[in-house]
Structures are given as C-alpha cells and as structure tokens.
Amino acid sequence: IAKIPDGNTLWHRMGDVGYFDEQGRFWYCGRKAQRIRHGNGDLFTVPIESVFNSLPNVKRTALVGVGPDQGRPVLVVEFEPSYQTANTGQALWDQWSSIEPRIEEIWYGEHSFTSFPIILIHKCLPTDVRHNAKINREQLAAWATEQLASADR
C-alpha cells in the first residue's frame, strides 16, 4: 500500500474512491477499478446500487460496464429468492415510481447522462468465494456481455 503525505495527514492508497462532504463526513463510492468510465464522467457503483438495493423484493444489485472500454452501464438485479419474477425487468419497472426522483438525481444529476442503464435480471449474483458479500463484477460483466450479445441476434 502506498503512503501519500498530505501536510500533517498521511493517506493510504487502497483503490477505494470516496469524498468528504461539507460537514466533513466521508462518503464511500466504491472501488476505483470497478468504476464505469462513461463519456460524460465516471460512474461509481455504491451510490447507484444503494438506491436500487432499497427497492422492495430486491436482494442486491451490481452496476457493471460492458462494451468498448467497459463504458456502457448495465445494472444487474438479483431479487429475493421468495420473490417470483417474470423473465423481463417488468417487476423492477413496476416499482420505478417510488424511487424515480432519487434515481434521476443520482443518474442524471451532475453528470448530465442522457440515457438510463440497461437492466438485466440474474438469479444469483456471482460472489467471491471468500466473501459472499463481494460481488465478482468481472465475471458479471462477462455474463452481461453474453446476455446482450444473445439478445442482439
């Protein structure tokens, strides 16, 4: 881990991204290597996923990038096991109205994104074998790429 002096403070480079707000609180945004380098700016996983994770019947979500330079955002949703869904994202869209203002604030806010991410449903997001909470985003991005390629055929 690299140590970076900053006046009387010593920072440690760990690959995490975040910021301090006006009250001095630290807001974690995710891993630098997992951000999506979009044409209008970087998309960070944690702020976007936290909004979708609050939806009823959603177990967890993962934002991944696909396509050239992994710049096309795809949100992958895993529903609670007890929740029966159709093969489309209709269940998620039916719940859209309750969180639409917050999603738009994050998604369209400061970056002026012009399109919403593709949404895919996955039965069980792949996780690190050592930490069930850590989503294997590289594997998930490959899966999303395959899903989109098969949909284009």
N, C-alpha and C. Protein backbone atom coordinates (compact mmCIF):
# COMPACT_ATOMS: atom_id res chain seq x y z
N ILE A 1 0.85 -1.18 0.00
CA ILE A 1 0.00 0.00 0.00
C ILE A 1 0.89 1.24 0.00
N ALA A 2 0.62 2.14 -0.89
CA ALA A 2 1.41 3.36 -1.00
C ALA A 2 0.95 4.39 0.02
N LYS A 3 1.92 5.01 0.68
CA LYS A 3 1.62 6.08 1.63
C LYS A 3 1.82 7.42 0.93
N ILE A 4 0.84 8.31 1.10
CA ILE A 4 0.89 9.61 0.43
C ILE A 4 0.78 10.70 1.48
N PRO A 5 1.86 11.47 1.70
CA PRO A 5 1.78 12.56 2.67
C PRO A 5 0.98 13.74 2.11
N ASP A 6 0.17 14.34 3.00
CA ASP A 6 -0.65 15.50 2.63
C ASP A 6 -0.65 16.43 3.84
N GLY A 7 0.37 17.27 3.93
CA GLY A 7 0.50 18.13 5.11
C GLY A 7 0.76 17.27 6.33
N ASN A 8 -0.10 17.42 7.36
CA ASN A 8 0.02 16.63 8.58
C ASN A 8 -0.72 15.30 8.49
N THR A 9 -1.32 15.03 7.35
CA THR A 9 -2.12 13.82 7.16
C THR A 9 -1.36 12.84 6.28
N LEU A 10 -1.54 11.56 6.56
CA LEU A 10 -0.95 10.52 5.74
C LEU A 10 -2.07 9.68 5.15
N TRP A 11 -2.15 9.63 3.83
CA TRP A 11 -3.17 8.84 3.14
C TRP A 11 -2.58 7.51 2.72
N HIS A 12 -3.43 6.50 2.64
CA HIS A 12 -3.01 5.18 2.17
C HIS A 12 -3.77 4.85 0.90
N ARG A 13 -3.04 4.58 -0.16
CA ARG A 13 -3.67 4.23 -1.44
C ARG A 13 -4.15 2.78 -1.36
N MET A 14 -5.48 2.59 -1.43
CA MET A 14 -6.06 1.25 -1.30
C MET A 14 -6.94 0.88 -2.49
N GLY A 15 -7.18 1.81 -3.39
CA GLY A 15 -8.03 1.53 -4.54
C GLY A 15 -9.49 1.89 -4.32
N ASP A 16 -9.81 2.47 -3.16
CA ASP A 16 -11.18 2.89 -2.88
C ASP A 16 -11.35 4.35 -3.29
N VAL A 17 -12.60 4.72 -3.62
CA VAL A 17 -12.91 6.09 -4.01
C VAL A 17 -14.01 6.61 -3.10
N GLY A 18 -13.89 7.86 -2.70
CA GLY A 18 -14.91 8.50 -1.89
C GLY A 18 -14.64 9.99 -1.84
N TYR A 19 -15.42 10.67 -1.02
CA TYR A 19 -15.24 12.11 -0.89
C TYR A 19 -15.74 12.56 0.48
N PHE A 20 -15.29 13.74 0.89
CA PHE A 20 -15.77 14.36 2.11
C PHE A 20 -16.81 15.41 1.73
N ASP A 21 -17.95 15.42 2.44
CA ASP A 21 -18.96 16.44 2.18
C ASP A 21 -18.67 17.69 3.00
N GLU A 22 -19.58 18.66 2.93
CA GLU A 22 -19.38 19.94 3.62
C GLU A 22 -19.28 19.80 5.14
N GLN A 23 -19.89 18.75 5.70
CA GLN A 23 -19.84 18.52 7.14
C GLN A 23 -18.64 17.66 7.55
N GLY A 24 -17.79 17.33 6.59
CA GLY A 24 -16.61 16.54 6.90
C GLY A 24 -16.86 15.04 6.95
N ARG A 25 -18.05 14.61 6.53
CA ARG A 25 -18.36 13.18 6.52
C ARG A 25 -17.78 12.54 5.26
N PHE A 26 -17.29 11.32 5.42
CA PHE A 26 -16.72 10.59 4.28
C PHE A 26 -17.80 9.73 3.64
N TRP A 27 -17.92 9.82 2.32
CA TRP A 27 -18.88 9.03 1.56
C TRP A 27 -18.10 8.09 0.65
N TYR A 28 -18.28 6.79 0.87
CA TYR A 28 -17.60 5.77 0.07
C TYR A 28 -18.35 5.56 -1.23
N CYS A 29 -17.64 5.53 -2.35
CA CYS A 29 -18.27 5.40 -3.67
C CYS A 29 -17.98 4.08 -4.36
N GLY A 30 -17.02 3.31 -3.88
CA GLY A 30 -16.70 2.02 -4.48
C GLY A 30 -15.22 1.91 -4.80
N ARG A 31 -14.88 0.90 -5.58
CA ARG A 31 -13.51 0.66 -5.97
C ARG A 31 -13.19 1.41 -7.27
N LYS A 32 -12.02 2.00 -7.30
CA LYS A 32 -11.61 2.75 -8.49
C LYS A 32 -11.59 1.85 -9.73
N ALA A 33 -11.10 0.63 -9.59
CA ALA A 33 -11.00 -0.29 -10.73
C ALA A 33 -12.37 -0.73 -11.24
N GLN A 34 -13.42 -0.55 -10.43
CA GLN A 34 -14.76 -1.01 -10.82
C GLN A 34 -15.66 0.13 -11.29
N ARG A 35 -15.13 1.33 -11.37
CA ARG A 35 -15.94 2.44 -11.85
C ARG A 35 -16.16 2.27 -13.35
N ILE A 36 -17.20 2.90 -13.84
CA ILE A 36 -17.50 2.84 -15.27
C ILE A 36 -17.08 4.16 -15.88
N ARG A 37 -16.17 4.09 -16.82
CA ARG A 37 -15.64 5.29 -17.48
C ARG A 37 -16.58 5.65 -18.63
N HIS A 38 -17.58 6.43 -18.32
CA HIS A 38 -18.60 6.84 -19.28
C HIS A 38 -18.12 8.12 -19.97
N GLY A 39 -18.62 8.37 -21.15
CA GLY A 39 -18.22 9.55 -21.90
C GLY A 39 -18.44 10.85 -21.16
N ASN A 40 -19.46 10.91 -20.30
CA ASN A 40 -19.77 12.14 -19.57
C ASN A 40 -19.14 12.20 -18.19
N GLY A 41 -18.41 11.18 -17.79
CA GLY A 41 -17.80 11.15 -16.47
C GLY A 41 -17.82 9.76 -15.89
N ASP A 42 -17.24 9.60 -14.73
CA ASP A 42 -17.17 8.29 -14.09
C ASP A 42 -18.46 7.98 -13.34
N LEU A 43 -18.87 6.71 -13.42
CA LEU A 43 -19.99 6.21 -12.63
C LEU A 43 -19.41 5.31 -11.55
N PHE A 44 -19.81 5.54 -10.30
CA PHE A 44 -19.32 4.73 -9.19
C PHE A 44 -20.43 3.81 -8.71
N THR A 45 -20.07 2.62 -8.34
CA THR A 45 -21.03 1.56 -8.06
C THR A 45 -21.90 1.81 -6.83
N VAL A 46 -21.31 2.16 -5.72
CA VAL A 46 -22.04 2.20 -4.45
C VAL A 46 -23.19 3.22 -4.43
N PRO A 47 -23.01 4.47 -4.84
CA PRO A 47 -24.14 5.41 -4.78
C PRO A 47 -25.32 4.99 -5.63
N ILE A 48 -25.06 4.41 -6.79
CA ILE A 48 -26.15 4.00 -7.68
C ILE A 48 -26.81 2.73 -7.17
N GLU A 49 -26.02 1.74 -6.79
CA GLU A 49 -26.58 0.47 -6.31
C GLU A 49 -27.40 0.65 -5.04
N SER A 50 -26.98 1.56 -4.17
CA SER A 50 -27.70 1.72 -2.90
C SER A 50 -29.14 2.15 -3.11
N VAL A 51 -29.39 2.93 -4.15
CA VAL A 51 -30.77 3.35 -4.45
C VAL A 51 -31.59 2.14 -4.89
N PHE A 52 -31.05 1.36 -5.81
CA PHE A 52 -31.78 0.19 -6.31
C PHE A 52 -31.91 -0.90 -5.25
N ASN A 53 -30.91 -1.03 -4.39
CA ASN A 53 -30.96 -2.04 -3.33
C ASN A 53 -32.09 -1.79 -2.34
N SER A 54 -32.60 -0.57 -2.30
CA SER A 54 -33.68 -0.24 -1.37
C SER A 54 -35.06 -0.61 -1.91
N LEU A 55 -35.13 -1.05 -3.15
CA LEU A 55 -36.42 -1.45 -3.72
C LEU A 55 -36.97 -2.68 -3.01
N PRO A 56 -38.29 -2.75 -2.84
CA PRO A 56 -38.88 -3.96 -2.26
C PRO A 56 -38.55 -5.17 -3.14
N ASN A 57 -38.28 -6.28 -2.51
CA ASN A 57 -38.01 -7.56 -3.16
C ASN A 57 -36.67 -7.65 -3.86
N VAL A 58 -35.85 -6.61 -3.80
CA VAL A 58 -34.53 -6.66 -4.40
C VAL A 58 -33.53 -7.10 -3.34
N LYS A 59 -32.80 -8.17 -3.62
CA LYS A 59 -31.78 -8.63 -2.68
C LYS A 59 -30.53 -7.77 -2.80
N ARG A 60 -30.06 -7.59 -4.04
CA ARG A 60 -28.89 -6.73 -4.29
C ARG A 60 -28.79 -6.45 -5.78
N THR A 61 -27.99 -5.44 -6.09
CA THR A 61 -27.77 -5.06 -7.48
C THR A 61 -26.27 -4.86 -7.69
N ALA A 62 -25.88 -4.84 -8.95
CA ALA A 62 -24.49 -4.56 -9.30
C ALA A 62 -24.46 -3.76 -10.58
N LEU A 63 -23.72 -2.68 -10.56
CA LEU A 63 -23.52 -1.86 -11.75
C LEU A 63 -22.20 -2.28 -12.37
N VAL A 64 -22.24 -2.70 -13.64
CA VAL A 64 -21.03 -3.11 -14.34
C VAL A 64 -20.98 -2.40 -15.69
N GLY A 65 -19.80 -2.37 -16.27
CA GLY A 65 -19.63 -1.78 -17.58
C GLY A 65 -19.37 -2.85 -18.62
N VAL A 66 -19.96 -2.69 -19.80
CA VAL A 66 -19.73 -3.62 -20.90
C VAL A 66 -19.37 -2.81 -22.15
N GLY A 67 -18.98 -3.52 -23.19
CA GLY A 67 -18.68 -2.86 -24.46
C GLY A 67 -17.28 -2.29 -24.50
N PRO A 68 -17.04 -1.45 -25.51
CA PRO A 68 -15.70 -0.85 -25.64
C PRO A 68 -15.31 -0.11 -24.37
N ASP A 69 -14.16 -0.46 -23.85
CA ASP A 69 -13.64 0.16 -22.62
C ASP A 69 -14.60 0.03 -21.43
N GLN A 70 -15.51 -0.93 -21.47
CA GLN A 70 -16.49 -1.15 -20.41
C GLN A 70 -17.23 0.12 -20.05
N GLY A 71 -17.57 0.93 -21.05
CA GLY A 71 -18.21 2.21 -20.81
C GLY A 71 -19.72 2.23 -20.91
N ARG A 72 -20.33 1.08 -21.23
CA ARG A 72 -21.79 1.03 -21.34
C ARG A 72 -22.34 0.47 -20.03
N PRO A 73 -23.08 1.28 -19.25
CA PRO A 73 -23.54 0.82 -17.93
C PRO A 73 -24.68 -0.20 -18.02
N VAL A 74 -24.55 -1.25 -17.22
CA VAL A 74 -25.58 -2.28 -17.09
C VAL A 74 -25.83 -2.48 -15.60
N LEU A 75 -27.08 -2.41 -15.19
CA LEU A 75 -27.45 -2.69 -13.81
C LEU A 75 -28.02 -4.10 -13.77
N VAL A 76 -27.40 -4.96 -12.97
CA VAL A 76 -27.86 -6.34 -12.83
C VAL A 76 -28.56 -6.46 -11.49
N VAL A 77 -29.77 -7.00 -11.51
CA VAL A 77 -30.62 -7.08 -10.32
C VAL A 77 -30.79 -8.53 -9.91
N GLU A 78 -30.62 -8.79 -8.63
CA GLU A 78 -30.94 -10.10 -8.04
C GLU A 78 -32.10 -9.89 -7.07
N PHE A 79 -33.22 -10.54 -7.35
CA PHE A 79 -34.38 -10.42 -6.47
C PHE A 79 -34.26 -11.39 -5.31
N GLU A 80 -35.00 -11.11 -4.23
CA GLU A 80 -35.08 -12.03 -3.10
C GLU A 80 -35.57 -13.38 -3.62
N PRO A 81 -35.02 -14.49 -3.08
CA PRO A 81 -35.41 -15.82 -3.57
C PRO A 81 -36.91 -16.07 -3.52
N SER A 82 -37.59 -15.53 -2.52
CA SER A 82 -39.02 -15.78 -2.39
C SER A 82 -39.86 -14.99 -3.40
N TYR A 83 -39.25 -14.05 -4.04
CA TYR A 83 -39.98 -13.19 -4.97
C TYR A 83 -39.98 -13.78 -6.37
N GLN A 84 -41.14 -14.05 -6.88
CA GLN A 84 -41.25 -14.65 -8.21
C GLN A 84 -41.34 -13.53 -9.25
N THR A 85 -40.49 -13.59 -10.24
CA THR A 85 -40.50 -12.56 -11.27
C THR A 85 -40.68 -13.17 -12.65
N ALA A 86 -41.07 -12.34 -13.55
CA ALA A 86 -41.12 -12.75 -14.95
C ALA A 86 -39.69 -12.73 -15.49
N ASN A 87 -39.51 -13.14 -16.71
CA ASN A 87 -38.17 -13.15 -17.30
C ASN A 87 -37.73 -11.78 -17.78
N THR A 88 -38.58 -10.80 -17.62
CA THR A 88 -38.21 -9.44 -18.01
C THR A 88 -37.98 -8.61 -16.76
N GLY A 89 -37.59 -7.40 -16.94
CA GLY A 89 -37.39 -6.50 -15.82
C GLY A 89 -38.67 -5.79 -15.41
N GLN A 90 -39.82 -6.31 -15.80
CA GLN A 90 -41.09 -5.64 -15.54
C GLN A 90 -41.33 -5.40 -14.04
N ALA A 91 -40.96 -6.37 -13.20
CA ALA A 91 -41.18 -6.20 -11.76
C ALA A 91 -40.42 -4.99 -11.23
N LEU A 92 -39.24 -4.78 -11.73
CA LEU A 92 -38.45 -3.63 -11.30
C LEU A 92 -39.08 -2.33 -11.81
N TRP A 93 -39.50 -2.32 -13.06
CA TRP A 93 -40.10 -1.12 -13.62
C TRP A 93 -41.42 -0.78 -12.93
N ASP A 94 -42.16 -1.78 -12.48
CA ASP A 94 -43.42 -1.53 -11.78
C ASP A 94 -43.18 -0.76 -10.48
N GLN A 95 -41.99 -0.90 -9.91
CA GLN A 95 -41.67 -0.23 -8.66
C GLN A 95 -40.95 1.11 -8.90
N TRP A 96 -40.75 1.44 -10.14
CA TRP A 96 -39.97 2.61 -10.52
C TRP A 96 -40.47 3.90 -9.88
N SER A 97 -41.78 4.13 -9.88
CA SER A 97 -42.32 5.42 -9.46
C SER A 97 -41.95 5.80 -8.03
N SER A 98 -41.76 4.82 -7.16
CA SER A 98 -41.46 5.13 -5.76
C SER A 98 -40.04 5.67 -5.57
N ILE A 99 -39.13 5.36 -6.46
CA ILE A 99 -37.75 5.83 -6.28
C ILE A 99 -37.25 6.67 -7.45
N GLU A 100 -38.10 6.95 -8.39
CA GLU A 100 -37.68 7.68 -9.60
C GLU A 100 -36.95 8.99 -9.30
N PRO A 101 -37.44 9.83 -8.38
CA PRO A 101 -36.73 11.09 -8.14
C PRO A 101 -35.29 10.89 -7.66
N ARG A 102 -35.06 9.92 -6.78
CA ARG A 102 -33.71 9.69 -6.25
C ARG A 102 -32.79 9.12 -7.33
N ILE A 103 -33.32 8.20 -8.13
CA ILE A 103 -32.51 7.63 -9.21
C ILE A 103 -32.12 8.71 -10.20
N GLU A 104 -33.07 9.53 -10.57
CA GLU A 104 -32.77 10.60 -11.52
C GLU A 104 -31.75 11.58 -10.94
N GLU A 105 -31.86 11.85 -9.65
CA GLU A 105 -30.90 12.75 -9.01
C GLU A 105 -29.49 12.19 -9.14
N ILE A 106 -29.33 10.91 -8.88
CA ILE A 106 -28.01 10.29 -8.98
C ILE A 106 -27.60 10.11 -10.44
N TRP A 107 -28.51 9.56 -11.22
CA TRP A 107 -28.15 9.18 -12.59
C TRP A 107 -27.97 10.39 -13.50
N TYR A 108 -28.94 11.29 -13.50
CA TYR A 108 -28.89 12.40 -14.43
C TYR A 108 -28.24 13.64 -13.84
N GLY A 109 -28.16 13.70 -12.53
CA GLY A 109 -27.67 14.87 -11.79
C GLY A 109 -26.49 15.59 -12.38
N GLU A 110 -25.37 15.52 -11.71
CA GLU A 110 -24.23 16.34 -12.07
C GLU A 110 -23.55 15.92 -13.37
N HIS A 111 -23.75 14.70 -13.81
CA HIS A 111 -23.04 14.22 -14.99
C HIS A 111 -23.81 14.45 -16.29
N SER A 112 -25.07 14.79 -16.22
CA SER A 112 -25.90 15.02 -17.40
C SER A 112 -25.92 13.82 -18.33
N PHE A 113 -26.12 12.63 -17.77
CA PHE A 113 -26.22 11.45 -18.61
C PHE A 113 -27.52 11.51 -19.40
N THR A 114 -27.48 11.03 -20.61
CA THR A 114 -28.64 11.15 -21.48
C THR A 114 -29.44 9.86 -21.59
N SER A 115 -28.92 8.75 -21.10
CA SER A 115 -29.67 7.51 -21.20
C SER A 115 -29.52 6.71 -19.92
N PHE A 116 -30.52 5.91 -19.64
CA PHE A 116 -30.54 5.10 -18.44
C PHE A 116 -29.82 3.78 -18.72
N PRO A 117 -29.28 3.11 -17.69
CA PRO A 117 -28.55 1.87 -17.95
C PRO A 117 -29.47 0.74 -18.41
N ILE A 118 -28.89 -0.22 -19.07
CA ILE A 118 -29.61 -1.45 -19.39
C ILE A 118 -29.80 -2.19 -18.08
N ILE A 119 -30.95 -2.82 -17.91
CA ILE A 119 -31.20 -3.58 -16.69
C ILE A 119 -31.39 -5.05 -17.05
N LEU A 120 -30.63 -5.91 -16.37
CA LEU A 120 -30.72 -7.36 -16.55
C LEU A 120 -31.05 -8.00 -15.21
N ILE A 121 -31.72 -9.14 -15.26
CA ILE A 121 -32.06 -9.89 -14.05
C ILE A 121 -31.15 -11.11 -13.98
N HIS A 122 -30.58 -11.35 -12.81
CA HIS A 122 -29.72 -12.52 -12.59
C HIS A 122 -30.27 -13.25 -11.37
N LYS A 123 -30.34 -14.57 -11.43
CA LYS A 123 -30.91 -15.33 -10.31
C LYS A 123 -30.05 -15.26 -9.06
N CYS A 124 -28.73 -15.24 -9.23
CA CYS A 124 -27.83 -15.20 -8.07
C CYS A 124 -26.51 -14.58 -8.51
N LEU A 125 -26.25 -13.36 -8.08
CA LEU A 125 -25.03 -12.67 -8.50
C LEU A 125 -23.80 -13.46 -8.05
N PRO A 126 -22.80 -13.59 -8.93
CA PRO A 126 -21.59 -14.32 -8.55
C PRO A 126 -20.81 -13.54 -7.50
N THR A 127 -20.33 -14.26 -6.50
CA THR A 127 -19.60 -13.61 -5.42
C THR A 127 -18.24 -14.26 -5.22
N ASP A 128 -17.37 -13.54 -4.55
CA ASP A 128 -16.05 -14.04 -4.19
C ASP A 128 -16.24 -15.21 -3.23
N VAL A 129 -15.52 -16.30 -3.44
CA VAL A 129 -15.70 -17.49 -2.60
C VAL A 129 -15.31 -17.23 -1.15
N ARG A 130 -14.46 -16.25 -0.92
CA ARG A 130 -14.04 -15.94 0.45
C ARG A 130 -15.00 -14.99 1.16
N HIS A 131 -15.68 -14.15 0.38
CA HIS A 131 -16.57 -13.14 0.95
C HIS A 131 -17.86 -13.12 0.14
N ASN A 132 -18.91 -13.71 0.66
CA ASN A 132 -20.16 -13.80 -0.09
C ASN A 132 -20.74 -12.42 -0.42
N ALA A 133 -20.34 -11.41 0.31
CA ALA A 133 -20.87 -10.07 0.05
C ALA A 133 -20.17 -9.38 -1.12
N LYS A 134 -18.96 -9.82 -1.47
CA LYS A 134 -18.21 -9.19 -2.55
C LYS A 134 -18.63 -9.77 -3.89
N ILE A 135 -19.28 -8.95 -4.69
CA ILE A 135 -19.75 -9.38 -6.00
C ILE A 135 -18.57 -9.46 -6.95
N ASN A 136 -18.50 -10.54 -7.71
CA ASN A 136 -17.46 -10.71 -8.72
C ASN A 136 -17.90 -9.95 -9.97
N ARG A 137 -17.55 -8.69 -10.02
CA ARG A 137 -18.02 -7.80 -11.09
C ARG A 137 -17.43 -8.15 -12.45
N GLU A 138 -16.21 -8.64 -12.47
CA GLU A 138 -15.60 -9.01 -13.74
C GLU A 138 -16.37 -10.17 -14.37
N GLN A 139 -16.70 -11.17 -13.58
CA GLN A 139 -17.48 -12.31 -14.06
C GLN A 139 -18.88 -11.85 -14.48
N LEU A 140 -19.46 -10.97 -13.70
CA LEU A 140 -20.80 -10.47 -14.00
C LEU A 140 -20.81 -9.64 -15.29
N ALA A 141 -19.79 -8.85 -15.51
CA ALA A 141 -19.70 -8.06 -16.75
C ALA A 141 -19.59 -8.98 -17.96
N ALA A 142 -18.84 -10.07 -17.83
CA ALA A 142 -18.74 -11.04 -18.94
C ALA A 142 -20.10 -11.67 -19.21
N TRP A 143 -20.83 -12.02 -18.14
CA TRP A 143 -22.17 -12.60 -18.28
C TRP A 143 -23.11 -11.59 -18.97
N ALA A 144 -23.06 -10.33 -18.53
CA ALA A 144 -23.93 -9.30 -19.12
C ALA A 144 -23.61 -9.12 -20.60
N THR A 145 -22.34 -9.16 -20.95
CA THR A 145 -21.94 -9.04 -22.35
C THR A 145 -22.54 -10.17 -23.18
N GLU A 146 -22.49 -11.39 -22.64
CA GLU A 146 -23.09 -12.55 -23.33
C GLU A 146 -24.59 -12.38 -23.49
N GLN A 147 -25.26 -11.91 -22.44
CA GLN A 147 -26.71 -11.72 -22.49
C GLN A 147 -27.10 -10.71 -23.56
N LEU A 148 -26.37 -9.62 -23.61
CA LEU A 148 -26.67 -8.57 -24.58
C LEU A 148 -26.36 -9.04 -26.01
N ALA A 149 -25.29 -9.82 -26.16
CA ALA A 149 -24.95 -10.34 -27.49
C ALA A 149 -26.01 -11.31 -27.98
N SER A 150 -26.52 -12.15 -27.09
CA SER A 150 -27.55 -13.11 -27.50
C SER A 150 -28.88 -12.41 -27.77
N ALA A 151 -29.14 -11.29 -27.11
CA ALA A 151 -30.37 -10.53 -27.35
C ALA A 151 -30.31 -9.82 -28.70
N ASP A 152 -29.10 -9.49 -29.16
CA ASP A 152 -28.94 -8.79 -30.43
C ASP A 152 -29.05 -9.73 -31.64
N ARG A 153 -29.00 -11.03 -31.39
CA ARG A 153 -29.05 -11.99 -32.51
C ARG A 153 -30.41 -12.13 -33.08
